[in-house]
């Protein structure tokens, strides 16, 4: 899945007009689902990068697929992981 997501990202970068085909074939709900249910952080990061590249021209499909909620969920997951890694004292720095 990580390699497929990376291929989509590279394809959009090399051929921007391919974004329409990717979106038309249902990439928006799949990418947002990968952010809503983070199993592998590498895959979530790549899905986020691919969403960023596609959303510049095709933002509406991501909004319809729950992209804003997915971004908030991903951000909260990163905050939680940082809190576990750094400890409570360092966690307070995140909310300044």
Protein backbone atom coordinates (compact mmCIF):
# COMPACT_ATOMS: atom_id res chain seq x y z
CA UNK A 1 0.00 0.00 0.00
CA UNK A 2 2.88 2.36 0.79
CA UNK A 3 4.45 1.80 -2.63
CA UNK A 4 1.10 2.31 -4.38
CA UNK A 5 0.60 5.60 -2.55
CA UNK A 6 4.14 6.67 -3.40
CA UNK A 7 3.53 5.80 -7.06
CA UNK A 8 0.39 7.96 -7.11
CA UNK A 9 2.30 10.85 -5.58
CA UNK A 10 5.11 10.53 -8.11
CA UNK A 11 2.63 10.19 -10.96
CA UNK A 12 0.86 13.41 -9.99
CA UNK A 13 4.20 15.17 -9.71
CA UNK A 14 5.38 13.97 -13.14
CA UNK A 15 2.01 14.23 -14.92
CA UNK A 16 -0.29 16.73 -13.19
CA UNK A 17 -3.13 15.95 -15.60
CA UNK A 18 -3.19 12.40 -14.21
CA UNK A 19 -4.73 13.81 -11.03
CA UNK A 20 -8.17 13.91 -12.65
CA UNK A 21 -8.00 10.22 -13.51
CA UNK A 22 -6.77 9.33 -10.03
CA UNK A 23 -9.57 11.29 -8.37
CA UNK A 24 -12.21 9.93 -10.77
CA UNK A 25 -11.18 6.41 -9.81
CA UNK A 26 -11.82 6.98 -6.11
CA UNK A 27 -8.50 7.98 -4.58
CA UNK A 28 -9.94 10.63 -2.25
CA UNK A 29 -11.95 8.27 0.01
CA UNK A 30 -9.08 5.77 0.11
CA UNK A 31 -6.48 8.35 1.10
CA UNK A 32 -8.70 9.86 3.76
CA UNK A 33 -9.44 6.39 5.13
CA UNK A 34 -5.71 5.79 5.52
CA UNK A 35 -5.48 8.93 7.64
CA UNK A 36 -8.56 8.10 9.70
CA UNK A 37 -7.23 4.64 10.55
CA UNK A 38 -3.47 4.99 10.95
CA UNK A 39 -1.82 1.58 11.04
CA UNK A 40 1.60 2.56 9.71
CA UNK A 41 2.97 6.05 10.18
CA UNK A 42 4.92 5.87 6.90
CA UNK A 43 1.74 5.14 4.99
CA UNK A 44 -0.09 7.98 6.75
CA UNK A 45 2.70 10.41 5.88
CA UNK A 46 2.68 9.33 2.25
CA UNK A 47 -1.12 9.55 2.08
CA UNK A 48 -0.87 13.06 3.50
CA UNK A 49 1.72 14.04 0.89
CA UNK A 50 -0.38 12.61 -1.91
CA UNK A 51 -3.49 14.36 -0.59
CA UNK A 52 -1.58 17.63 -0.49
CA UNK A 53 -0.53 17.30 -4.13
CA UNK A 54 -3.99 16.33 -5.33
CA UNK A 55 -5.96 18.77 -3.18
CA UNK A 56 -4.48 21.84 -4.86
CA UNK A 57 -6.57 21.10 -7.95
CA UNK A 58 -9.14 18.64 -6.58
CA UNK A 59 -10.02 19.77 -3.07
CA UNK A 60 -13.78 19.15 -3.21
CA UNK A 61 -13.54 15.34 -3.44
CA UNK A 62 -11.37 15.32 -0.33
CA UNK A 63 -13.84 17.49 1.55
CA UNK A 64 -16.68 15.17 0.53
CA UNK A 65 -14.64 12.14 1.65
CA UNK A 66 -14.06 13.63 5.12
CA UNK A 67 -10.61 15.02 4.49
CA UNK A 68 -10.80 17.68 7.21
CA UNK A 69 -11.70 15.10 9.84
CA UNK A 70 -8.90 12.85 8.59
CA UNK A 71 -6.37 15.67 8.91
CA UNK A 72 -7.50 16.43 12.46
CA UNK A 73 -7.31 12.75 13.39
CA UNK A 74 -3.80 12.47 11.96
CA UNK A 75 -2.68 15.60 13.83
CA UNK A 76 -4.11 14.29 17.10
CA UNK A 77 -2.33 10.97 16.55
CA UNK A 78 0.98 12.73 16.06
CA UNK A 79 0.41 14.80 19.21
CA UNK A 80 -0.37 11.66 21.19
CA UNK A 81 2.75 9.88 19.93
CA UNK A 82 4.89 12.90 20.75
CA UNK A 83 3.39 13.01 24.23
CA UNK A 84 4.20 9.35 24.81
CA UNK A 85 7.73 9.79 23.50
CA UNK A 86 8.62 13.06 25.20
CA UNK A 87 6.72 12.87 28.48
CA UNK A 88 4.23 15.18 30.16
CA UNK A 89 6.57 18.15 30.68
CA UNK A 90 7.40 18.31 27.00
CA UNK A 91 3.75 17.78 26.08
CA UNK A 92 2.90 21.15 27.62
CA UNK A 93 5.13 22.77 24.98
CA UNK A 94 2.78 21.52 22.25
CA UNK A 95 -0.12 23.61 23.55
CA UNK A 96 1.67 26.95 23.69
